[in-house]
Amino acid sequence: MGIKSNLNRLNRLINHHIGLGGNVHAAVNDFNAGFMTPEIKADLEAGVANAKGKMQQMPAGTDVLTLPAGNYEISGAKNNPVGSDDTSWIEYEIHTAGEQRRQIKAVINTNGRTYYRTVHTDGTATSGTGMWTYEPFLIWNGAATTGTLTFDPAPLKLQSGIRVRYRTTTNQAGTCDIMGISTGSGAIDVANAPDDDTLQIQIYEMFVSFTAKSLTIQRNKTVLGYPSSLAAGADGGIMITGIYAI
């Protein structure tokens, strides 16, 4: 009788527990304790990971334009900043706001290149910046007046062109943007008013062409302007000191 009574009691307890249903197994909310749904559990774990600075790894094909706010690491993401065939590991920092606005920062792990993108009201992919953009980054550094300069690292993809940093033999310095996504060419012209009564002006001119991997200095001439004539000056009046992807 003891065993039977115990079994009956256990059965009643089980039935009572199951019978309570929603009161015992209700999902947690803002007012009542309860059990977490799978969705709440996933959100909580993601929040804890983000708070600790951990990137949540997502599968290839994940669309970075629809992800919830958070920090992620994805290889081969949809709408990544490099291209549909890219498989680089990229870390994403995503912030969302009202009416589907969002800001996205993407860092390519292999080289640290940083891209930015915004999506404006209603979440239209072409809104906001409409595309990925990046801060200009250095692809060549040195000092050259002639020759072919090989980019290192070579840009994965030029978005606008290149920015050439230069200095002249008379210590003028500046930058010149030359447009082109895969190839381009342009001239850098700098004038100098010399401290010379016989020489009115010096004009430095450099002509360059570039591909996605290198820049070639085609010409680097100086023109001297006298009161009554022009003459050729020494070559190499402009020195390239840096090149940036823009």
C-alpha atoms as a PDB file:
ATOM      1  CA  MET A   1       0.000   0.000   0.000  1.00  0.00           C
ATOM      2  CA  GLY A   2       2.887   2.335   0.744  1.00  0.00           C
ATOM      3  CA  ILE A   3       4.349   1.990  -2.730  1.00  0.00           C
ATOM      4  CA  LYS A   4       0.940   2.371  -4.365  1.00  0.00           C
ATOM      5  CA  SER A   5       0.153   5.450  -2.283  1.00  0.00           C
ATOM      6  CA  ASN A   6       3.484   7.005  -3.170  1.00  0.00           C
ATOM      7  CA  LEU A   7       2.973   6.318  -6.876  1.00  0.00           C
ATOM      8  CA  ASN A   8      -0.519   7.821  -6.746  1.00  0.00           C
ATOM      9  CA  ARG A   9       0.812  10.852  -4.933  1.00  0.00           C
ATOM     10  CA  LEU A  10       3.608  11.288  -7.483  1.00  0.00           C
ATOM     11  CA  ASN A  11       1.116  10.938 -10.322  1.00  0.00           C
ATOM     12  CA  ARG A  12      -1.119  13.612  -8.772  1.00  0.00           C
ATOM     13  CA  LEU A  13       1.855  15.959  -8.389  1.00  0.00           C
ATOM     14  CA  ILE A  14       2.872  15.436 -12.008  1.00  0.00           C
ATOM     15  CA  ASN A  15      -0.660  15.986 -13.263  1.00  0.00           C
ATOM     16  CA  HIS A  16      -1.017  19.044 -11.051  1.00  0.00           C
ATOM     17  CA  HIS A  17       2.284  20.471 -12.352  1.00  0.00           C
ATOM     18  CA  ILE A  18       1.327  19.820 -15.989  1.00  0.00           C
ATOM     19  CA  GLY A  19      -2.190  20.999 -15.411  1.00  0.00           C
ATOM     20  CA  LEU A  20      -1.031  24.382 -14.200  1.00  0.00           C
ATOM     21  CA  GLY A  21       0.284  24.926 -17.753  1.00  0.00           C
ATOM     22  CA  GLY A  22       0.649  28.610 -18.399  1.00  0.00           C
ATOM     23  CA  ASN A  23       1.068  29.508 -14.729  1.00  0.00           C
ATOM     24  CA  VAL A  24       4.174  27.337 -14.416  1.00  0.00           C
ATOM     25  CA  HIS A  25       5.607  27.421 -17.931  1.00  0.00           C
ATOM     26  CA  ALA A  26       4.656  30.920 -19.011  1.00  0.00           C
ATOM     27  CA  ALA A  27       7.265  32.885 -20.938  1.00  0.00           C
ATOM     28  CA  VAL A  28       9.052  35.544 -18.927  1.00  0.00           C
ATOM     29  CA  ASN A  29       7.829  39.108 -19.465  1.00  0.00           C
ATOM     30  CA  ASP A  30       8.243  42.558 -17.940  1.00  0.00           C
ATOM     31  CA  PHE A  31       5.921  41.696 -15.051  1.00  0.00           C
ATOM     32  CA  ASN A  32       6.111  37.951 -14.347  1.00  0.00           C
ATOM     33  CA  ALA A  33       8.903  35.448 -13.883  1.00  0.00           C
ATOM     34  CA  GLY A  34       8.818  32.506 -16.211  1.00  0.00           C
ATOM     35  CA  PHE A  35      10.652  30.462 -18.790  1.00  0.00           C
ATOM     36  CA  MET A  36      12.514  32.065 -21.704  1.00  0.00           C
ATOM     37  CA  THR A  37      11.491  31.435 -25.276  1.00  0.00           C
ATOM     38  CA  PRO A  38      14.260  30.424 -27.720  1.00  0.00           C
ATOM     39  CA  GLU A  39      14.147  33.932 -29.181  1.00  0.00           C
ATOM     40  CA  ILE A  40      14.605  35.572 -25.765  1.00  0.00           C
ATOM     41  CA  LYS A  41      17.473  33.178 -24.990  1.00  0.00           C
ATOM     42  CA  ALA A  42      19.227  34.026 -28.274  1.00  0.00           C
ATOM     43  CA  ASP A  43      18.809  37.767 -27.694  1.00  0.00           C
ATOM     44  CA  LEU A  44      20.096  37.478 -24.138  1.00  0.00           C
ATOM     45  CA  GLU A  45      23.154  35.466 -25.146  1.00  0.00           C
ATOM     46  CA  ALA A  46      23.920  37.906 -27.970  1.00  0.00           C
ATOM     47  CA  GLY A  47      23.592  40.841 -25.579  1.00  0.00           C
ATOM     48  CA  VAL A  48      25.941  39.261 -23.034  1.00  0.00           C
ATOM     49  CA  ALA A  49      28.462  38.441 -25.769  1.00  0.00           C
ATOM     50  CA  ASN A  50      28.327  41.984 -27.163  1.00  0.00           C
ATOM     51  CA  ALA A  51      28.734  43.457 -23.698  1.00  0.00           C
ATOM     52  CA  LYS A  52      31.927  41.430 -23.318  1.00  0.00           C
ATOM     53  CA  GLY A  53      33.195  42.622 -26.700  1.00  0.00           C
ATOM     54  CA  LYS A  54      32.684  39.264 -28.414  1.00  0.00           C
ATOM     55  CA  MET A  55      31.616  39.122 -32.056  1.00  0.00           C
ATOM     56  CA  GLN A  56      28.749  36.769 -32.795  1.00  0.00           C
ATOM     57  CA  GLN A  57      29.748  34.573 -35.739  1.00  0.00           C
ATOM     58  CA  MET A  58      27.068  34.283 -38.420  1.00  0.00           C
ATOM     59  CA  PRO A  59      26.872  31.973 -41.467  1.00  0.00           C
ATOM     60  CA  ALA A  60      27.817  32.924 -45.017  1.00  0.00           C
ATOM     61  CA  GLY A  61      24.958  34.566 -46.862  1.00  0.00           C
ATOM     62  CA  THR A  62      23.743  36.528 -43.830  1.00  0.00           C
ATOM     63  CA  ASP A  63      22.461  39.920 -44.993  1.00  0.00           C
ATOM     64  CA  VAL A  64      24.221  42.689 -43.060  1.00  0.00           C
ATOM     65  CA  LEU A  65      21.465  45.132 -44.058  1.00  0.00           C
ATOM     66  CA  THR A  66      18.852  43.212 -42.079  1.00  0.00           C
ATOM     67  CA  LEU A  67      20.807  42.019 -39.007  1.00  0.00           C
ATOM     68  CA  PRO A  68      19.687  43.297 -35.583  1.00  0.00           C
ATOM     69  CA  ALA A  69      21.932  45.759 -33.782  1.00  0.00           C
ATOM     70  CA  GLY A  70      25.041  44.055 -32.458  1.00  0.00           C
ATOM     71  CA  ASN A  71      28.585  42.942 -33.241  1.00  0.00           C
ATOM     72  CA  TYR A  72      29.136  40.171 -35.767  1.00  0.00           C
ATOM     73  CA  GLU A  73      31.837  38.281 -37.645  1.00  0.00           C
ATOM     74  CA  ILE A  74      30.882  36.924 -41.075  1.00  0.00           C
ATOM     75  CA  SER A  75      32.713  35.432 -44.039  1.00  0.00           C
ATOM     76  CA  GLY A  76      30.833  35.787 -47.328  1.00  0.00           C
ATOM     77  CA  ALA A  77      28.042  37.981 -46.022  1.00  0.00           C
ATOM     78  CA  LYS A  78      25.376  39.281 -48.364  1.00  0.00           C
ATOM     79  CA  ASN A  79      25.878  43.016 -49.059  1.00  0.00           C
ATOM     80  CA  ASN A  80      29.422  42.940 -47.690  1.00  0.00           C
ATOM     81  CA  PRO A  81      31.674  45.916 -48.573  1.00  0.00           C
ATOM     82  CA  VAL A  82      34.077  44.053 -50.861  1.00  0.00           C
ATOM     83  CA  GLY A  83      32.001  41.999 -53.306  1.00  0.00           C
ATOM     84  CA  SER A  84      29.746  38.972 -53.712  1.00  0.00           C
ATOM     85  CA  ASP A  85      32.700  36.626 -54.301  1.00  0.00           C
ATOM     86  CA  ASP A  86      34.689  37.765 -51.268  1.00  0.00           C
ATOM     87  CA  THR A  87      35.203  35.326 -48.393  1.00  0.00           C
ATOM     88  CA  SER A  88      37.279  37.525 -46.065  1.00  0.00           C
ATOM     89  CA  TRP A  89      36.455  37.461 -42.372  1.00  0.00           C
ATOM     90  CA  ILE A  90      34.814  40.812 -41.726  1.00  0.00           C
ATOM     91  CA  GLU A  91      33.722  42.194 -38.364  1.00  0.00           C
ATOM     92  CA  TYR A  92      30.544  44.293 -38.358  1.00  0.00           C
ATOM     93  CA  GLU A  93      29.353  46.813 -35.795  1.00  0.00           C
ATOM     94  CA  ILE A  94      25.675  47.583 -36.406  1.00  0.00           C
ATOM     95  CA  HIS A  95      23.545  50.287 -34.801  1.00  0.00           C
ATOM     96  CA  THR A  96      19.837  50.600 -35.519  1.00  0.00           C
ATOM     97  CA  ALA A  97      17.358  53.417 -34.946  1.00  0.00           C
ATOM     98  CA  GLY A  98      13.704  54.197 -35.614  1.00  0.00           C
ATOM     99  CA  GLU A  99      12.056  53.682 -38.992  1.00  0.00           C
ATOM    100  CA  GLN A 100      14.723  51.130 -40.050  1.00  0.00           C
ATOM    101  CA  ARG A 101      17.616  53.586 -40.059  1.00  0.00           C
ATOM    102  CA  ARG A 102      20.975  51.969 -39.387  1.00  0.00           C
ATOM    103  CA  GLN A 103      24.706  52.636 -39.269  1.00  0.00           C
ATOM    104  CA  ILE A 104      27.188  49.894 -40.122  1.00  0.00           C
ATOM    105  CA  LYS A 105      30.934  49.747 -39.612  1.00  0.00           C
ATOM    106  CA  ALA A 106      32.836  46.883 -41.255  1.00  0.00           C
ATOM    107  CA  VAL A 107      36.487  46.015 -40.626  1.00  0.00           C
ATOM    108  CA  ILE A 108      38.304  43.518 -42.859  1.00  0.00           C
ATOM    109  CA  ASN A 109      40.270  41.337 -40.473  1.00  0.00           C
ATOM    110  CA  THR A 110      43.223  40.594 -42.769  1.00  0.00           C
ATOM    111  CA  ASN A 111      44.266  44.216 -43.283  1.00  0.00           C
ATOM    112  CA  GLY A 112      42.190  46.409 -40.968  1.00  0.00           C
ATOM    113  CA  ARG A 113      40.566  48.293 -43.809  1.00  0.00           C
ATOM    114  CA  THR A 114      37.463  50.024 -42.463  1.00  0.00           C
ATOM    115  CA  TYR A 115      34.235  50.649 -44.367  1.00  0.00           C
ATOM    116  CA  TYR A 116      31.074  52.566 -43.420  1.00  0.00           C
ATOM    117  CA  ARG A 117      27.493  52.530 -44.619  1.00  0.00           C
ATOM    118  CA  THR A 118      24.187  54.051 -43.545  1.00  0.00           C
ATOM    119  CA  VAL A 119      20.628  53.105 -44.376  1.00  0.00           C
ATOM    120  CA  HIS A 120      18.009  55.837 -44.092  1.00  0.00           C
ATOM    121  CA  THR A 121      14.292  55.860 -43.285  1.00  0.00           C
ATOM    122  CA  ASP A 122      12.209  52.849 -44.438  1.00  0.00           C
ATOM    123  CA  GLY A 123      15.345  50.689 -44.807  1.00  0.00           C
ATOM    124  CA  THR A 124      15.798  51.161 -48.546  1.00  0.00           C
ATOM    125  CA  ALA A 125      19.229  49.749 -49.471  1.00  0.00           C
ATOM    126  CA  THR A 126      19.957  52.640 -51.831  1.00  0.00           C
ATOM    127  CA  SER A 127      19.205  55.265 -49.171  1.00  0.00           C
ATOM    128  CA  GLY A 128      21.704  56.825 -46.806  1.00  0.00           C
ATOM    129  CA  THR A 129      25.172  56.495 -48.300  1.00  0.00           C
ATOM    130  CA  GLY A 130      23.656  54.080 -50.842  1.00  0.00           C
ATOM    131  CA  MET A 131      26.891  52.117 -50.859  1.00  0.00           C
ATOM    132  CA  TRP A 132      29.908  51.287 -48.733  1.00  0.00           C
ATOM    133  CA  THR A 133      32.465  54.029 -48.300  1.00  0.00           C
ATOM    134  CA  TYR A 134      35.830  54.048 -46.575  1.00  0.00           C
ATOM    135  CA  GLU A 135      38.282  56.473 -45.092  1.00  0.00           C
ATOM    136  CA  PRO A 136      41.262  57.056 -47.434  1.00  0.00           C
ATOM    137  CA  PHE A 137      43.991  54.558 -46.580  1.00  0.00           C
ATOM    138  CA  LEU A 138      47.676  54.561 -47.413  1.00  0.00           C
ATOM    139  CA  ILE A 139      48.710  52.184 -50.210  1.00  0.00           C
ATOM    140  CA  TRP A 140      52.188  53.550 -50.958  1.00  0.00           C
ATOM    141  CA  ASN A 141      54.680  55.519 -48.878  1.00  0.00           C
ATOM    142  CA  GLY A 142      58.128  56.750 -49.786  1.00  0.00           C
ATOM    143  CA  ALA A 143      59.807  59.337 -52.018  1.00  0.00           C
ATOM    144  CA  ALA A 144      59.822  59.090 -55.811  1.00  0.00           C
ATOM    145  CA  THR A 145      60.249  61.436 -58.773  1.00  0.00           C
ATOM    146  CA  THR A 146      60.305  58.760 -61.504  1.00  0.00           C
ATOM    147  CA  GLY A 147      59.329  55.164 -62.121  1.00  0.00           C
ATOM    148  CA  THR A 148      56.447  52.828 -61.304  1.00  0.00           C
ATOM    149  CA  LEU A 149      55.221  52.695 -57.724  1.00  0.00           C
ATOM    150  CA  THR A 150      53.583  49.417 -56.670  1.00  0.00           C
ATOM    151  CA  PHE A 151      50.758  49.670 -54.162  1.00  0.00           C
ATOM    152  CA  ASP A 152      51.169  47.699 -50.936  1.00  0.00           C
ATOM    153  CA  PRO A 153      48.618  46.707 -49.950  1.00  0.00           C
ATOM    154  CA  ALA A 154      46.862  46.895 -53.300  1.00  0.00           C
ATOM    155  CA  PRO A 155      43.271  48.113 -52.886  1.00  0.00           C
ATOM    156  CA  LEU A 156      40.661  45.382 -53.087  1.00  0.00           C
ATOM    157  CA  LYS A 157      38.590  47.831 -55.074  1.00  0.00           C
ATOM    158  CA  LEU A 158      38.981  51.552 -55.676  1.00  0.00           C
ATOM    159  CA  GLN A 159      35.749  53.404 -55.050  1.00  0.00           C
ATOM    160  CA  SER A 160      36.706  56.789 -56.499  1.00  0.00           C
ATOM    161  CA  GLY A 161      40.381  56.814 -57.361  1.00  0.00           C
ATOM    162  CA  ILE A 162      43.634  57.735 -55.646  1.00  0.00           C
ATOM    163  CA  ARG A 163      44.972  60.667 -53.641  1.00  0.00           C
ATOM    164  CA  VAL A 164      48.598  61.598 -54.347  1.00  0.00           C
ATOM    165  CA  ARG A 165      50.600  63.375 -51.651  1.00  0.00           C
ATOM    166  CA  TYR A 166      53.523  65.416 -53.019  1.00  0.00           C
ATOM    167  CA  ARG A 167      56.277  67.899 -52.226  1.00  0.00           C
ATOM    168  CA  THR A 168      58.165  70.179 -54.654  1.00  0.00           C
ATOM    169  CA  THR A 169      61.832  71.109 -54.724  1.00  0.00           C
ATOM    170  CA  THR A 170      60.822  74.526 -53.382  1.00  0.00           C
ATOM    171  CA  ASN A 171      59.028  72.872 -50.426  1.00  0.00           C
ATOM    172  CA  GLN A 172      55.405  73.274 -51.485  1.00  0.00           C
ATOM    173  CA  ALA A 173      53.317  70.346 -50.324  1.00  0.00           C
ATOM    174  CA  GLY A 174      49.779  69.161 -50.959  1.00  0.00           C
ATOM    175  CA  THR A 175      47.564  66.422 -52.332  1.00  0.00           C
ATOM    176  CA  CYS A 176      45.866  65.813 -55.648  1.00  0.00           C
ATOM    177  CA  ASP A 177      42.893  63.490 -56.222  1.00  0.00           C
ATOM    178  CA  ILE A 178      42.884  61.538 -59.483  1.00  0.00           C
ATOM    179  CA  MET A 179      39.652  59.744 -60.302  1.00  0.00           C
ATOM    180  CA  GLY A 180      39.238  56.217 -61.650  1.00  0.00           C
ATOM    181  CA  ILE A 181      37.868  52.932 -60.315  1.00  0.00           C
ATOM    182  CA  SER A 182      40.247  50.537 -62.105  1.00  0.00           C
ATOM    183  CA  THR A 183      42.507  52.857 -64.142  1.00  0.00           C
ATOM    184  CA  GLY A 184      43.040  56.583 -64.428  1.00  0.00           C
ATOM    185  CA  SER A 185      45.429  59.357 -65.301  1.00  0.00           C
ATOM    186  CA  GLY A 186      45.961  62.980 -64.430  1.00  0.00           C
ATOM    187  CA  ALA A 187      48.373  65.839 -63.890  1.00  0.00           C
ATOM    188  CA  ILE A 188      49.743  67.548 -60.817  1.00  0.00           C
ATOM    189  CA  ASP A 189      50.535  71.210 -61.496  1.00  0.00           C
ATOM    190  CA  VAL A 190      52.192  73.474 -58.937  1.00  0.00           C
ATOM    191  CA  ALA A 191      53.307  77.080 -59.468  1.00  0.00           C
ATOM    192  CA  ASN A 192      56.009  78.832 -57.506  1.00  0.00           C
ATOM    193  CA  ALA A 193      56.937  82.528 -57.473  1.00  0.00           C
ATOM    194  CA  PRO A 194      60.721  82.487 -57.027  1.00  0.00           C
ATOM    195  CA  ASP A 195      62.721  85.116 -55.192  1.00  0.00           C
ATOM    196  CA  ASP A 196      64.546  86.037 -58.367  1.00  0.00           C
ATOM    197  CA  ASP A 197      64.188  89.263 -60.367  1.00  0.00           C
ATOM    198  CA  THR A 198      65.049  87.544 -63.626  1.00  0.00           C
ATOM    199  CA  LEU A 199      62.680  84.589 -63.154  1.00  0.00           C
ATOM    200  CA  GLN A 200      58.999  85.389 -62.805  1.00  0.00           C
ATOM    201  CA  ILE A 201      57.526  81.924 -62.180  1.00  0.00           C
ATOM    202  CA  GLN A 202      58.323  78.238 -61.964  1.00  0.00           C
ATOM    203  CA  ILE A 203      55.696  75.685 -62.968  1.00  0.00           C
ATOM    204  CA  TYR A 204      56.142  72.094 -61.880  1.00  0.00           C
ATOM    205  CA  GLU A 205      54.143  69.498 -63.794  1.00  0.00           C
ATOM    206  CA  MET A 206      53.889  65.777 -63.213  1.00  0.00           C
ATOM    207  CA  PHE A 207      51.735  63.481 -65.346  1.00  0.00           C
ATOM    208  CA  VAL A 208      50.807  60.071 -63.916  1.00  0.00           C
ATOM    209  CA  SER A 209      48.700  57.049 -64.820  1.00  0.00           C
ATOM    210  CA  PHE A 210      47.546  54.291 -62.500  1.00  0.00           C
ATOM    211  CA  THR A 211      45.901  50.890 -62.305  1.00  0.00           C
ATOM    212  CA  ALA A 212      44.472  49.133 -59.268  1.00  0.00           C
ATOM    213  CA  LYS A 213      47.995  47.878 -58.444  1.00  0.00           C
ATOM    214  CA  SER A 214      50.467  50.634 -59.311  1.00  0.00           C
ATOM    215  CA  LEU A 215      51.106  54.219 -60.384  1.00  0.00           C
ATOM    216  CA  THR A 216      53.543  55.210 -63.138  1.00  0.00           C
ATOM    217  CA  ILE A 217      55.157  58.635 -63.358  1.00  0.00           C
ATOM    218  CA  GLN A 218      55.015  59.450 -67.061  1.00  0.00           C
ATOM    219  CA  ARG A 219      56.504  62.932 -66.957  1.00  0.00           C
ATOM    220  CA  ASN A 220      57.989  65.232 -64.318  1.00  0.00           C
ATOM    221  CA  LYS A 221      58.997  68.565 -65.879  1.00  0.00           C
ATOM    222  CA  THR A 222      59.635  72.131 -64.798  1.00  0.00           C
ATOM    223  CA  VAL A 223      58.843  75.209 -66.881  1.00  0.00           C
ATOM    224  CA  LEU A 224      60.659  78.478 -66.117  1.00  0.00           C
ATOM    225  CA  GLY A 225      58.878  81.697 -66.918  1.00  0.00           C
ATOM    226  CA  TYR A 226      61.034  84.718 -67.769  1.00  0.00           C
ATOM    227  CA  PRO A 227      59.707  88.182 -68.670  1.00  0.00           C
ATOM    228  CA  SER A 228      60.032  87.520 -72.382  1.00  0.00           C
ATOM    229  CA  SER A 229      60.282  83.737 -72.763  1.00  0.00           C
ATOM    230  CA  LEU A 230      59.738  80.260 -71.374  1.00  0.00           C
ATOM    231  CA  ALA A 231      62.450  77.687 -70.818  1.00  0.00           C
ATOM    232  CA  ALA A 232      62.715  74.139 -69.582  1.00  0.00           C
ATOM    233  CA  GLY A 233      63.989  73.670 -66.068  1.00  0.00           C
ATOM    234  CA  ALA A 234      65.435  70.617 -64.353  1.00  0.00           C
ATOM    235  CA  ASP A 235      63.353  67.438 -64.330  1.00  0.00           C
ATOM    236  CA  GLY A 236      61.990  66.067 -61.069  1.00  0.00           C
ATOM    237  CA  GLY A 237      60.462  69.186 -59.574  1.00  0.00           C
ATOM    238  CA  ILE A 238      57.693  67.157 -57.870  1.00  0.00           C
ATOM    239  CA  MET A 239      58.273  64.258 -55.510  1.00  0.00           C
ATOM    240  CA  ILE A 240      55.482  61.818 -54.610  1.00  0.00           C
ATOM    241  CA  THR A 241      55.576  61.021 -50.880  1.00  0.00           C
ATOM    242  CA  GLY A 242      52.396  59.006 -50.444  1.00  0.00           C
ATOM    243  CA  ILE A 243      49.412  57.507 -52.276  1.00  0.00           C
ATOM    244  CA  TYR A 244      45.990  56.791 -50.752  1.00  0.00           C
ATOM    245  CA  ALA A 245      42.980  54.837 -51.975  1.00  0.00           C
ATOM    246  CA  ILE A 246      39.870  57.045 -51.966  1.00  0.00           C
END
